[in-house]
Amino acid sequence: MNTAFFINVVLSFCGLFLYRVVVKQTFELYFSEKGNNKLIRAIIYGTDANAISVANALKFETPSRFKIVGFVDKNNQNASKRMLDLPILVQKKKMPTLMRSVGAEGVIIADKSLTKEEQLIIVDQCLEYNFKVYNVPLISNWENQKEISQKVKNIEIEDLLERQPIVLDNKSITRQLKDRTVLITGAAGSIGSEIVRQVLSFHPKKIIILDQAETPLHHLCLETQALISDSKIRTVIGDIRNKEALENLFSLYRPQVVFHAAAYKHVPLMEENPSQAILTNIQGTKNLADLACKYNVKKFVMVSTDKAVNPSNVMGASKRIAEKYVQSLHLRSQRANHSSATKFITTRFGNVLGSNGSVVPLFTKQIAEGGPLTITHPDIIRYFMTIPEACQLVLEAGAMGNGGEIYIFDMGKPVKIIDLARKMIKLAGFIPEKDIKIQIVGLRPGEKLYEELLNDTSKTLATHHEKIMIAQEIQDEFETLHVDIDELIGIANQYQNDAVVAKMKKIVPEFKSMNSTFELLDK
């Protein structure tokens, strides 16, 4: 009796188990094969634990996006082996050739031992033949499969910058910001808002975020309120042109550190409205700098631009005059031997990927609309860095500055804008000139083919940070510059454009207009 019962239990168990296996296998074979027609056939570049985690996560992803057809070992050491019942492929030729041999449409780069150069080679090869490229960050041990699969995303244009990660001197930045009151102007802008986020991580006592743009400032306010922070955040709507309102702010909050990012920055617009560039970029900076001296601000960090170097437009020249003014304040305090005087520091860098009004969001919008992508000149080049990278260097320069310096950043290799456009079209899955056209529209007023980070007469000094250098500019006497700037602001208030630009050219002799009606003033 007992034997019969035991045999019956074993047979029932085996029968049920086999039934479940058959049903599961039939379901997977029939339904998954049916759905696989719509999945992207992809190979995973890498054979380490990171690659295995990604493959497992994508296998159970719902809804599925990929059908993984193999792994690639860059060292070609495991060609005869299999992982997760998938082949390990040998890369004897370029990636596109290997992908065609297995019918893959895309590659997921999961090998974290790849250098930036190796990764760029793979991306360039794949984009050339219109294969899709996906990226995935380093997987943490505690991440579940859903979190991992969500991290597998199309490679972005920011990922293709040939730049190494920045290592910050967190101790010196912490000494400058911890338990301090920090004022950030232009806080609702792309640079200002990132400075706010990064400053918060150094636990200041209080942050005053100032901007005149109501809606973006409101969005930033909601974002900062959602963060867990012991810093008090005060949101102020205000215009840096209004000295009385600024004085009230300085008197009320007594900031110890100021990051000045408020500015008008669009070159063609400022070429049409030079008085507005003066009133915001110069008078606004003067208001803040004068109040910083009056209220004993410890450090004043001004965000400038490479367009201030040998300026060819009103915007760049206005920023150069603002640089000169804050430098002259430092020179005056040095001569008066004021040890407790405000330390004025200027940071100068090039174009920032993804910032408001920059070329990348414009191209993204134009691609979404089906083109064409508009480029001003086929030979135009620019230096680029990401928003977080630029803001990290601003904080670092602010911490190391002793006053009077103009810090310039290592911007990496220059990028040809037409190449950037082609890559963005390919990253979006289209073919340049076939699916989406590229249209040359001509240089805009005040626009150069290339930007510099140094004046022709300037030299640089190295700092302890390899990506930050000091530009040695000729400093103007405070008294003369002060009179000239007051006159310039007076002319700007009368909105006499030619007179405004003529005065700017007197203050900045290297200012030579390009592709602009103001070229006549250079003759």
Protein backbone atom coordinates (compact mmCIF):
# COMPACT_ATOMS: atom_id res chain seq x y z
CA MET A 1 0.00 0.00 0.00
CA ASN A 2 2.73 2.41 1.01
CA THR A 3 4.78 1.48 -2.08
CA ALA A 4 1.83 2.09 -4.41
CA PHE A 5 1.14 5.44 -2.74
CA PHE A 6 4.80 6.48 -3.08
CA ILE A 7 4.92 5.48 -6.78
CA ASN A 8 1.66 7.38 -7.37
CA VAL A 9 3.10 10.54 -5.73
CA VAL A 10 6.32 10.32 -7.77
CA LEU A 11 4.45 9.74 -11.06
CA SER A 12 2.01 12.59 -10.30
CA PHE A 13 4.84 14.94 -9.47
CA CYS A 14 6.79 14.01 -12.63
CA GLY A 15 3.67 14.31 -14.75
CA LEU A 16 2.81 17.75 -13.41
CA PHE A 17 6.42 18.92 -13.68
CA LEU A 18 6.73 17.74 -17.30
CA TYR A 19 3.38 19.29 -18.12
CA ARG A 20 4.53 22.70 -16.80
CA VAL A 21 7.82 22.44 -18.71
CA VAL A 22 6.07 21.51 -21.98
CA VAL A 23 3.52 24.32 -21.60
CA LYS A 24 6.24 26.86 -20.73
CA GLN A 25 8.49 25.81 -23.62
CA THR A 26 5.58 25.80 -26.08
CA PHE A 27 4.51 29.26 -24.89
CA GLU A 28 8.04 30.68 -25.13
CA LEU A 29 8.71 29.12 -28.53
CA TYR A 30 5.42 30.05 -30.13
CA PHE A 31 4.65 33.42 -28.63
CA SER A 32 8.19 34.75 -28.21
CA GLU A 33 9.14 33.76 -31.76
CA LYS A 34 5.99 35.50 -32.92
CA GLY A 35 6.97 38.65 -31.02
CA ASN A 36 10.67 38.38 -31.88
CA ASN A 37 9.94 39.65 -35.38
CA LYS A 38 9.45 43.11 -33.90
CA LEU A 39 12.44 42.97 -31.55
CA ILE A 40 15.79 44.60 -32.29
CA ARG A 41 18.41 41.91 -32.89
CA ALA A 42 21.39 43.05 -30.84
CA ILE A 43 24.78 41.87 -29.69
CA ILE A 44 26.27 42.80 -26.34
CA TYR A 45 29.82 44.15 -26.40
CA GLY A 46 31.44 42.62 -23.33
CA THR A 47 31.70 39.30 -21.54
CA ASP A 48 32.07 40.39 -17.92
CA ALA A 49 29.53 40.34 -15.09
CA ASN A 50 28.20 43.70 -16.29
CA ALA A 51 27.37 42.21 -19.72
CA ILE A 52 25.73 39.12 -18.21
CA SER A 53 23.56 41.28 -15.91
CA VAL A 54 22.44 43.36 -18.88
CA ALA A 55 21.63 40.26 -20.99
CA ASN A 56 19.61 38.68 -18.19
CA ALA A 57 17.72 41.90 -17.53
CA LEU A 58 16.84 42.35 -21.21
CA LYS A 59 15.73 38.72 -21.53
CA PHE A 60 13.00 39.24 -18.92
CA GLU A 61 12.18 42.85 -19.85
CA THR A 62 8.49 43.62 -20.32
CA PRO A 63 7.69 44.68 -22.94
CA SER A 64 10.74 43.26 -24.68
CA ARG A 65 12.85 45.51 -26.91
CA PHE A 66 15.80 43.29 -27.84
CA LYS A 67 16.60 39.80 -28.99
CA ILE A 68 20.19 39.18 -27.88
CA VAL A 69 22.06 37.07 -30.46
CA GLY A 70 25.54 36.96 -28.92
CA PHE A 71 28.36 38.53 -26.96
CA VAL A 72 31.58 40.11 -28.21
CA ASP A 73 34.83 39.54 -26.32
CA LYS A 74 37.28 42.29 -27.26
CA ASN A 75 40.22 40.03 -26.30
CA ASN A 76 38.95 37.15 -28.51
CA GLN A 77 39.85 34.63 -25.78
CA ASN A 78 36.54 32.76 -25.44
CA ALA A 79 35.58 32.14 -29.05
CA SER A 80 34.76 28.45 -28.49
CA LYS A 81 32.61 29.09 -25.40
CA ARG A 82 29.03 30.15 -24.86
CA MET A 83 27.35 32.39 -22.28
CA LEU A 84 23.65 32.14 -21.38
CA ASP A 85 23.43 29.65 -24.26
CA LEU A 86 24.52 32.39 -26.68
CA PRO A 87 27.74 32.40 -28.76
CA ILE A 88 30.79 34.50 -27.88
CA LEU A 89 31.71 36.15 -31.17
CA VAL A 90 35.22 36.79 -32.47
CA GLN A 91 35.88 40.30 -33.73
CA LYS A 92 38.38 39.72 -36.54
CA LYS A 93 37.12 42.64 -38.60
CA LYS A 94 35.24 45.87 -37.93
CA MET A 95 32.05 45.72 -35.86
CA PRO A 96 29.64 46.30 -38.80
CA THR A 97 31.03 43.22 -40.59
CA LEU A 98 30.55 41.08 -37.47
CA MET A 99 27.03 42.44 -36.95
CA ARG A 100 26.01 41.68 -40.52
CA SER A 101 27.28 38.10 -40.16
CA VAL A 102 24.83 37.41 -37.31
CA GLY A 103 22.01 39.62 -38.60
CA ALA A 104 22.31 42.12 -35.74
CA GLU A 105 20.77 45.58 -36.04
CA GLY A 106 22.36 47.11 -32.96
CA VAL A 107 25.09 46.80 -30.34
CA ILE A 108 24.79 47.36 -26.61
CA ILE A 109 28.10 48.57 -25.15
CA ALA A 110 28.35 46.96 -21.72
CA ASP A 111 32.13 46.49 -21.42
CA LYS A 112 33.33 49.01 -18.83
CA SER A 113 37.00 48.26 -19.55
CA LEU A 114 36.71 50.05 -22.91
CA THR A 115 38.57 53.33 -23.14
CA LYS A 116 36.75 56.41 -24.47
CA GLU A 117 38.75 56.13 -27.70
CA GLU A 118 37.80 52.43 -28.19
CA GLN A 119 34.15 53.24 -27.53
CA LEU A 120 34.20 56.12 -30.03
CA ILE A 121 35.71 53.86 -32.71
CA ILE A 122 32.87 51.33 -32.25
CA VAL A 123 30.22 54.06 -32.30
CA ASP A 124 31.67 55.74 -35.41
CA GLN A 125 31.91 52.41 -37.27
CA CYS A 126 28.33 51.47 -36.41
CA LEU A 127 26.86 54.88 -37.21
CA GLU A 128 28.64 54.87 -40.57
CA TYR A 129 26.59 51.80 -41.59
CA ASN A 130 23.42 52.94 -39.78
CA PHE A 131 23.54 50.34 -37.00
CA LYS A 132 21.96 51.31 -33.69
CA VAL A 133 24.23 51.86 -30.68
CA TYR A 134 23.10 51.59 -27.05
CA ASN A 135 24.94 52.38 -23.85
CA VAL A 136 24.56 51.11 -20.31
CA PRO A 137 26.29 52.39 -17.15
CA LEU A 138 28.11 50.24 -14.63
CA ILE A 139 25.68 47.87 -12.91
CA SER A 140 25.51 47.89 -9.11
CA ASN A 141 25.12 44.62 -7.21
CA TRP A 142 21.88 45.72 -5.59
CA GLU A 143 20.07 46.76 -8.78
CA ASN A 144 17.18 44.59 -9.92
CA GLN A 145 16.59 43.50 -13.50
CA LYS A 146 13.96 46.17 -14.19
CA GLU A 147 16.33 48.96 -13.13
CA ILE A 148 19.12 47.50 -15.28
CA SER A 149 16.97 47.18 -18.41
CA GLN A 150 15.76 50.77 -18.03
CA LYS A 151 19.38 51.97 -18.14
CA VAL A 152 19.95 50.52 -21.62
CA LYS A 153 19.42 53.62 -23.74
CA ASN A 154 20.41 55.03 -27.10
CA ILE A 155 23.87 56.54 -26.95
CA GLU A 156 23.62 60.33 -26.67
CA ILE A 157 25.72 62.98 -28.39
CA GLU A 158 27.16 63.89 -24.94
CA ASP A 159 28.58 60.35 -24.72
CA LEU A 160 30.67 61.02 -27.83
CA LEU A 161 32.64 63.92 -26.35
CA GLU A 162 36.28 62.92 -26.18
CA ARG A 163 36.67 63.95 -22.56
CA GLN A 164 37.80 62.30 -19.35
CA PRO A 165 35.75 62.59 -16.13
CA ILE A 166 36.61 65.59 -13.95
CA VAL A 167 38.12 65.01 -10.52
CA LEU A 168 37.23 67.83 -8.13
CA ASP A 169 39.04 69.05 -5.04
CA ASN A 170 35.97 68.52 -2.86
CA LYS A 171 37.73 69.60 0.34
CA SER A 172 38.51 73.11 -0.90
CA ILE A 173 35.01 73.51 -2.39
CA THR A 174 33.47 72.32 0.88
CA ARG A 175 35.57 74.86 2.82
CA GLN A 176 34.23 77.60 0.57
CA LEU A 177 30.54 76.60 0.58
CA LYS A 178 29.69 74.58 3.71
CA ASP A 179 27.53 76.56 6.16
CA ARG A 180 27.82 79.67 3.97
CA THR A 181 25.13 81.86 2.42
CA VAL A 182 25.40 81.60 -1.38
CA LEU A 183 23.75 83.84 -3.97
CA ILE A 184 23.34 82.50 -7.52
CA THR A 185 22.18 84.91 -10.23
CA GLY A 186 20.64 83.64 -13.45
CA ALA A 187 19.70 80.62 -11.34
CA ALA A 188 16.86 79.52 -13.62
CA GLY A 189 19.13 79.21 -16.67
CA SER A 190 20.85 76.04 -17.82
CA ILE A 191 24.19 76.94 -16.18
CA GLY A 192 22.72 78.68 -13.13
CA SER A 193 20.32 75.84 -12.29
CA GLU A 194 23.13 73.26 -12.48
CA ILE A 195 25.29 75.44 -10.20
CA VAL A 196 22.36 75.44 -7.74
CA ARG A 197 22.16 71.62 -7.82
CA GLN A 198 25.90 71.20 -7.34
CA VAL A 199 26.21 73.85 -4.62
CA LEU A 200 23.43 72.09 -2.66
CA SER A 201 25.59 68.96 -2.46
CA PHE A 202 28.17 70.93 -0.43
CA HIS A 203 25.63 71.78 2.32
CA PRO A 204 25.56 75.58 2.37
CA LYS A 205 23.61 77.25 5.16
CA LYS A 206 21.41 79.13 2.71
CA ILE A 207 21.04 79.49 -1.06
CA ILE A 208 19.42 82.53 -2.65
CA ILE A 209 18.35 81.73 -6.21
CA LEU A 210 17.78 84.89 -8.23
CA ASP A 211 16.34 85.23 -11.73
CA GLN A 212 13.90 87.43 -13.64
CA ALA A 213 12.32 84.49 -15.54
CA GLU A 214 9.28 83.53 -13.49
CA THR A 215 8.29 80.13 -14.93
CA PRO A 216 11.77 78.52 -15.09
CA LEU A 217 12.46 79.86 -11.58
CA HIS A 218 9.22 78.31 -10.35
CA HIS A 219 10.21 74.94 -11.88
CA LEU A 220 13.63 75.13 -10.19
CA CYS A 221 11.95 76.01 -6.89
CA LEU A 222 9.72 72.90 -7.12
CA GLU A 223 12.74 70.77 -8.01
CA THR A 224 14.83 71.98 -5.06
CA GLN A 225 11.90 71.59 -2.65
CA ALA A 226 11.71 67.91 -3.61
CA LEU A 227 15.36 67.38 -2.65
CA ILE A 228 16.37 66.21 0.79
CA SER A 229 18.63 69.03 1.97
CA ASP A 230 19.37 70.83 5.22
CA SER A 231 20.10 74.05 3.30
CA LYS A 232 17.53 76.85 3.38
CA ILE A 233 16.51 77.91 -0.12
CA ARG A 234 15.17 81.38 -0.85
CA THR A 235 13.70 82.11 -4.29
CA VAL A 236 13.88 85.73 -5.45
CA ILE A 237 12.44 87.17 -8.66
CA GLY A 238 14.57 90.14 -9.57
CA ASP A 239 16.50 91.90 -12.32
CA ILE A 240 20.23 92.51 -11.82
CA ARG A 241 19.76 95.89 -13.56
CA ASN A 242 17.77 97.10 -10.55
CA LYS A 243 20.40 98.13 -8.01
CA GLU A 244 17.88 99.12 -5.34
CA ALA A 245 16.27 95.66 -5.39
CA LEU A 246 19.72 94.02 -5.29
CA GLU A 247 20.77 96.22 -2.37
CA ASN A 248 17.71 95.08 -0.44
CA LEU A 249 18.64 91.46 -1.19
CA PHE A 250 22.28 91.90 -0.07
CA SER A 251 21.20 93.77 3.07
CA LEU A 252 18.63 91.11 3.99
CA TYR A 253 20.60 87.91 3.29
CA ARG A 254 24.27 89.01 3.51
CA PRO A 255 25.63 86.46 0.98
CA GLN A 256 29.21 85.34 1.51
CA VAL A 257 29.70 83.75 -1.93
CA VAL A 258 28.19 84.95 -5.23
CA PHE A 259 28.01 82.92 -8.45
CA HIS A 260 27.04 85.37 -11.20
CA ALA A 261 25.56 83.51 -14.19
CA ALA A 262 22.88 86.02 -15.24
CA ALA A 263 23.47 87.37 -18.74
CA TYR A 264 22.05 87.92 -22.17
CA LYS A 265 23.94 85.43 -24.33
CA HIS A 266 22.39 85.06 -27.81
CA VAL A 267 24.81 86.61 -30.29
CA PRO A 268 22.38 87.61 -33.13
CA LEU A 269 19.84 89.07 -30.68
CA MET A 270 22.44 91.21 -28.92
CA GLU A 271 23.75 92.40 -32.28
CA GLU A 272 20.27 93.84 -32.88
CA ASN A 273 19.88 95.09 -29.29
CA PRO A 274 23.29 96.31 -28.11
CA SER A 275 21.86 98.60 -25.41
CA GLN A 276 20.17 95.63 -23.75
CA ALA A 277 23.50 93.75 -23.72
CA ILE A 278 25.12 96.73 -21.95
CA LEU A 279 22.37 97.17 -19.37
CA THR A 280 22.29 93.49 -18.37
CA ASN A 281 25.79 92.15 -19.00
CA ILE A 282 27.73 95.25 -17.90
CA GLN A 283 25.49 97.37 -15.67
CA GLY A 284 24.01 94.26 -14.04
CA THR A 285 27.49 92.87 -13.33
CA LYS A 286 28.65 96.28 -12.04
CA ASN A 287 25.65 96.47 -9.67
CA LEU A 288 26.41 93.03 -8.24
CA ALA A 289 30.18 93.60 -8.01
CA ASP A 290 29.80 96.99 -6.29
CA LEU A 291 27.35 95.53 -3.76
CA ALA A 292 29.66 92.55 -3.19
CA CYS A 293 32.37 95.02 -2.13
CA LYS A 294 29.97 97.04 0.03
CA TYR A 295 28.60 93.99 1.88
CA ASN A 296 31.97 92.20 2.26
CA VAL A 297 31.20 89.17 0.07
CA LYS A 298 34.15 86.79 0.39
CA LYS A 299 34.15 85.49 -3.21
CA PHE A 300 32.47 86.66 -6.39
CA VAL A 301 32.64 84.16 -9.26
CA MET A 302 31.57 85.47 -12.65
CA VAL A 303 30.60 83.11 -15.47
CA SER A 304 31.98 84.47 -18.76
CA THR A 305 32.41 83.08 -22.27
CA ASP A 306 35.07 82.39 -24.88
CA LYS A 307 33.21 84.93 -27.05
CA ALA A 308 34.79 87.62 -24.84
CA VAL A 309 38.15 86.77 -26.44
CA ASN A 310 39.03 88.96 -29.45
CA PRO A 311 35.27 89.69 -29.63
CA SER A 312 33.56 89.87 -33.00
CA ASN A 313 30.11 90.67 -31.65
CA VAL A 314 28.33 92.88 -29.12
CA MET A 315 27.57 90.03 -26.72
CA GLY A 316 31.22 88.94 -26.49
CA ALA A 317 32.45 92.52 -26.12
CA SER A 318 29.92 93.19 -23.34
CA LYS A 319 31.18 90.17 -21.42
CA ARG A 320 34.80 91.30 -21.94
CA ILE A 321 33.98 94.71 -20.46
CA ALA A 322 32.29 92.99 -17.51
CA GLU A 323 35.46 90.89 -17.04
CA LYS A 324 37.57 94.04 -17.10
CA TYR A 325 35.37 95.71 -14.48
CA VAL A 326 35.53 92.90 -11.91
CA GLN A 327 39.28 92.59 -12.47
CA SER A 328 39.72 96.33 -11.88
CA LEU A 329 37.89 96.06 -8.54
CA HIS A 330 40.42 93.47 -7.45
CA LEU A 331 43.30 95.67 -8.62
CA ARG A 332 41.90 98.60 -6.62
CA SER A 333 41.55 96.55 -3.43
CA GLN A 334 45.09 95.23 -3.87
CA ARG A 335 46.49 98.73 -4.06
CA ALA A 336 44.48 99.78 -1.03
CA ASN A 337 45.88 96.68 0.72
CA HIS A 338 42.46 95.48 1.84
CA SER A 339 43.09 91.94 3.10
CA SER A 340 39.36 91.33 3.68
CA ALA A 341 38.31 92.62 0.24
CA THR A 342 36.08 90.57 -2.03
CA LYS A 343 37.97 88.12 -4.24
CA PHE A 344 36.73 88.52 -7.81
CA ILE A 345 37.18 85.46 -10.03
CA THR A 346 36.16 85.03 -13.68
CA THR A 347 35.58 81.70 -15.43
CA ARG A 348 35.64 81.55 -19.20
CA PHE A 349 34.51 78.56 -21.27
CA GLY A 350 32.97 77.70 -24.63
CA ASN A 351 29.71 76.20 -25.78
CA VAL A 352 27.76 74.00 -23.41
CA LEU A 353 25.95 70.95 -24.79
CA GLY A 354 22.24 71.07 -24.08
CA SER A 355 22.15 74.62 -22.70
CA ASN A 356 19.19 76.81 -23.58
CA GLY A 357 19.49 77.98 -27.18
CA SER A 358 22.53 75.84 -27.97
CA VAL A 359 22.92 73.90 -31.19
CA VAL A 360 22.11 70.42 -29.78
CA PRO A 361 18.51 71.16 -28.65
CA LEU A 362 18.00 73.00 -31.95
CA PHE A 363 19.18 70.00 -33.99
CA THR A 364 17.06 67.65 -31.85
CA LYS A 365 13.97 69.76 -32.59
CA GLN A 366 14.79 69.96 -36.31
CA ILE A 367 15.30 66.16 -36.50
CA ALA A 368 11.93 65.60 -34.77
CA GLU A 369 10.33 67.84 -37.39
CA GLY A 370 11.95 65.88 -40.24
CA GLY A 371 14.63 68.47 -41.04
CA PRO A 372 16.36 70.22 -42.52
CA LEU A 373 19.17 70.83 -40.02
CA THR A 374 20.35 74.41 -40.46
CA ILE A 375 24.08 75.15 -40.25
CA THR A 376 25.56 78.61 -40.71
CA HIS A 377 28.79 77.49 -42.46
CA PRO A 378 30.26 74.09 -43.48
CA ASP A 379 33.63 74.90 -41.85
CA ILE A 380 32.37 76.30 -38.53
CA ILE A 381 33.89 74.66 -35.43
CA ARG A 382 33.16 75.00 -31.74
CA TYR A 383 34.48 73.73 -28.41
CA PHE A 384 31.91 71.86 -26.31
CA MET A 385 31.52 70.62 -22.77
CA THR A 386 28.53 69.30 -20.84
CA ILE A 387 26.54 71.45 -18.41
CA PRO A 388 27.61 69.46 -15.28
CA GLU A 389 31.24 69.54 -16.41
CA ALA A 390 31.22 73.31 -16.93
CA CYS A 391 29.61 73.91 -13.54
CA GLN A 392 32.03 71.58 -11.75
CA LEU A 393 34.92 73.60 -13.13
CA VAL A 394 33.20 76.86 -12.08
CA LEU A 395 33.03 75.58 -8.49
CA GLU A 396 36.64 74.37 -8.61
CA ALA A 397 37.92 77.67 -10.02
CA GLY A 398 35.92 79.57 -7.42
CA ALA A 399 37.49 77.54 -4.64
CA MET A 400 41.09 77.94 -5.86
CA GLY A 401 40.85 81.62 -6.85
CA ASN A 402 42.71 84.27 -4.87
CA GLY A 403 41.12 87.17 -6.77
CA GLY A 404 41.71 88.88 -10.08
CA GLU A 405 42.16 85.70 -12.12
CA ILE A 406 40.44 84.79 -15.36
CA TYR A 407 40.25 81.00 -15.42
CA ILE A 408 39.96 79.25 -18.75
CA PHE A 409 38.92 75.62 -19.08
CA ASP A 410 40.39 72.83 -21.17
CA MET A 411 37.58 72.43 -23.69
CA GLY A 412 39.00 69.29 -25.34
CA LYS A 413 39.07 68.92 -29.10
CA PRO A 414 37.08 71.32 -31.31
CA VAL A 415 34.03 69.84 -33.02
CA LYS A 416 33.00 70.59 -36.58
CA ILE A 417 29.32 71.51 -36.41
CA ILE A 418 28.47 69.75 -39.68
CA ASP A 419 29.99 66.51 -38.28
CA LEU A 420 27.94 67.00 -35.11
CA ALA A 421 24.80 67.35 -37.24
CA ARG A 422 25.55 64.16 -39.21
CA LYS A 423 26.18 62.18 -36.02
CA MET A 424 22.95 63.40 -34.42
CA ILE A 425 20.97 62.40 -37.53
CA LYS A 426 22.54 58.92 -37.45
CA LEU A 427 21.96 58.56 -33.70
CA ALA A 428 18.29 59.27 -34.35
CA GLY A 429 18.24 56.37 -36.83
CA PHE A 430 18.18 58.40 -40.05
CA ILE A 431 20.53 58.78 -43.01
CA PRO A 432 22.03 62.27 -43.52
CA GLU A 433 21.07 63.99 -46.80
CA LYS A 434 18.70 61.12 -47.63
CA ASP A 435 16.18 61.03 -44.78
CA ILE A 436 17.11 64.43 -43.32
CA LYS A 437 18.81 67.23 -45.24
CA ILE A 438 21.51 69.57 -43.94
CA GLN A 439 21.06 73.15 -45.10
CA ILE A 440 23.79 75.85 -45.08
CA VAL A 441 22.16 79.20 -44.20
CA GLY A 442 25.18 81.54 -43.89
CA LEU A 443 26.99 83.06 -40.91
CA ARG A 444 24.83 85.06 -38.55
CA PRO A 445 25.71 88.64 -37.54
CA GLY A 446 28.74 88.68 -35.24
CA GLU A 447 29.48 84.97 -35.69
CA LYS A 448 33.03 83.61 -36.08
CA LEU A 449 34.09 80.40 -37.80
CA TYR A 450 35.94 79.46 -34.61
CA GLU A 451 36.21 80.68 -31.02
CA GLU A 452 39.37 81.27 -28.99
CA LEU A 453 39.91 81.03 -25.25
CA LEU A 454 42.78 83.54 -25.15
CA ASN A 455 43.44 87.01 -26.51
CA ASP A 456 46.29 87.28 -28.99
CA THR A 457 48.49 88.99 -26.38
CA SER A 458 47.60 86.67 -23.49
CA LYS A 459 49.58 83.89 -21.86
CA THR A 460 48.43 81.13 -19.54
CA LEU A 461 49.56 79.86 -16.18
CA ALA A 462 48.94 76.29 -15.06
CA THR A 463 47.01 75.50 -11.87
CA HIS A 464 46.87 72.38 -9.70
CA HIS A 465 43.88 71.23 -11.82
CA GLU A 466 44.95 70.02 -15.26
CA LYS A 467 41.73 71.25 -16.91
CA ILE A 468 41.93 74.81 -15.52
CA MET A 469 44.44 77.49 -16.55
CA ILE A 470 44.80 81.18 -15.72
CA ALA A 471 44.72 83.71 -18.56
CA GLN A 472 47.14 86.56 -17.96
CA GLU A 473 45.26 89.54 -19.37
CA ILE A 474 46.38 93.18 -19.28
CA GLN A 475 44.44 94.86 -16.47
CA ASP A 476 42.95 98.34 -16.90
CA GLU A 477 43.22 101.15 -14.36
CA PHE A 478 40.05 101.32 -12.29
CA GLU A 479 39.51 105.10 -12.55
CA THR A 480 39.70 105.27 -16.36
CA LEU A 481 37.64 102.13 -16.87
CA HIS A 482 35.04 103.32 -14.34
CA VAL A 483 34.50 106.59 -16.24
CA ASP A 484 34.29 104.79 -19.60
CA ILE A 485 31.76 102.25 -18.32
CA ASP A 486 29.58 104.96 -16.74
CA GLU A 487 29.58 106.80 -20.07
CA LEU A 488 28.73 103.57 -21.92
CA ILE A 489 25.77 102.86 -19.60
CA GLY A 490 24.55 106.44 -20.11
CA ILE A 491 24.64 106.01 -23.91
CA ALA A 492 22.91 102.61 -23.62
CA ASN A 493 20.07 104.22 -21.66
CA GLN A 494 19.49 106.48 -24.68
CA TYR A 495 19.41 103.39 -26.99
CA GLN A 496 21.81 104.88 -29.54
CA ASN A 497 23.12 101.69 -31.10
CA ASP A 498 26.00 103.06 -33.17
CA ALA A 499 27.20 105.24 -30.31
CA VAL A 500 26.99 102.28 -27.91
CA VAL A 501 29.08 100.01 -30.13
CA ALA A 502 31.61 102.77 -30.93
CA LYS A 503 32.17 103.27 -27.19
CA MET A 504 32.53 99.52 -26.67
CA LYS A 505 35.24 99.43 -29.35
CA LYS A 506 37.10 102.17 -27.50
CA ILE A 507 37.01 100.20 -24.23
CA VAL A 508 37.89 96.90 -25.98
CA PRO A 509 40.27 97.81 -28.87
CA GLU A 510 40.42 94.19 -30.08
CA PHE A 511 36.63 94.20 -30.70
CA LYS A 512 36.28 93.90 -34.49
CA SER A 513 32.75 93.29 -35.78
CA MET A 514 32.20 90.43 -38.21
CA ASN A 515 29.31 89.94 -40.62
CA SER A 516 27.58 92.88 -38.96
CA THR A 517 26.37 96.39 -39.80
CA PHE A 518 28.77 97.62 -37.11
CA GLU A 519 31.77 96.71 -39.32
CA LEU A 520 31.57 100.28 -40.65
CA LEU A 521 32.68 101.52 -37.19
CA ASP A 522 36.00 99.66 -37.59
CA LYS A 523 37.00 101.66 -40.68
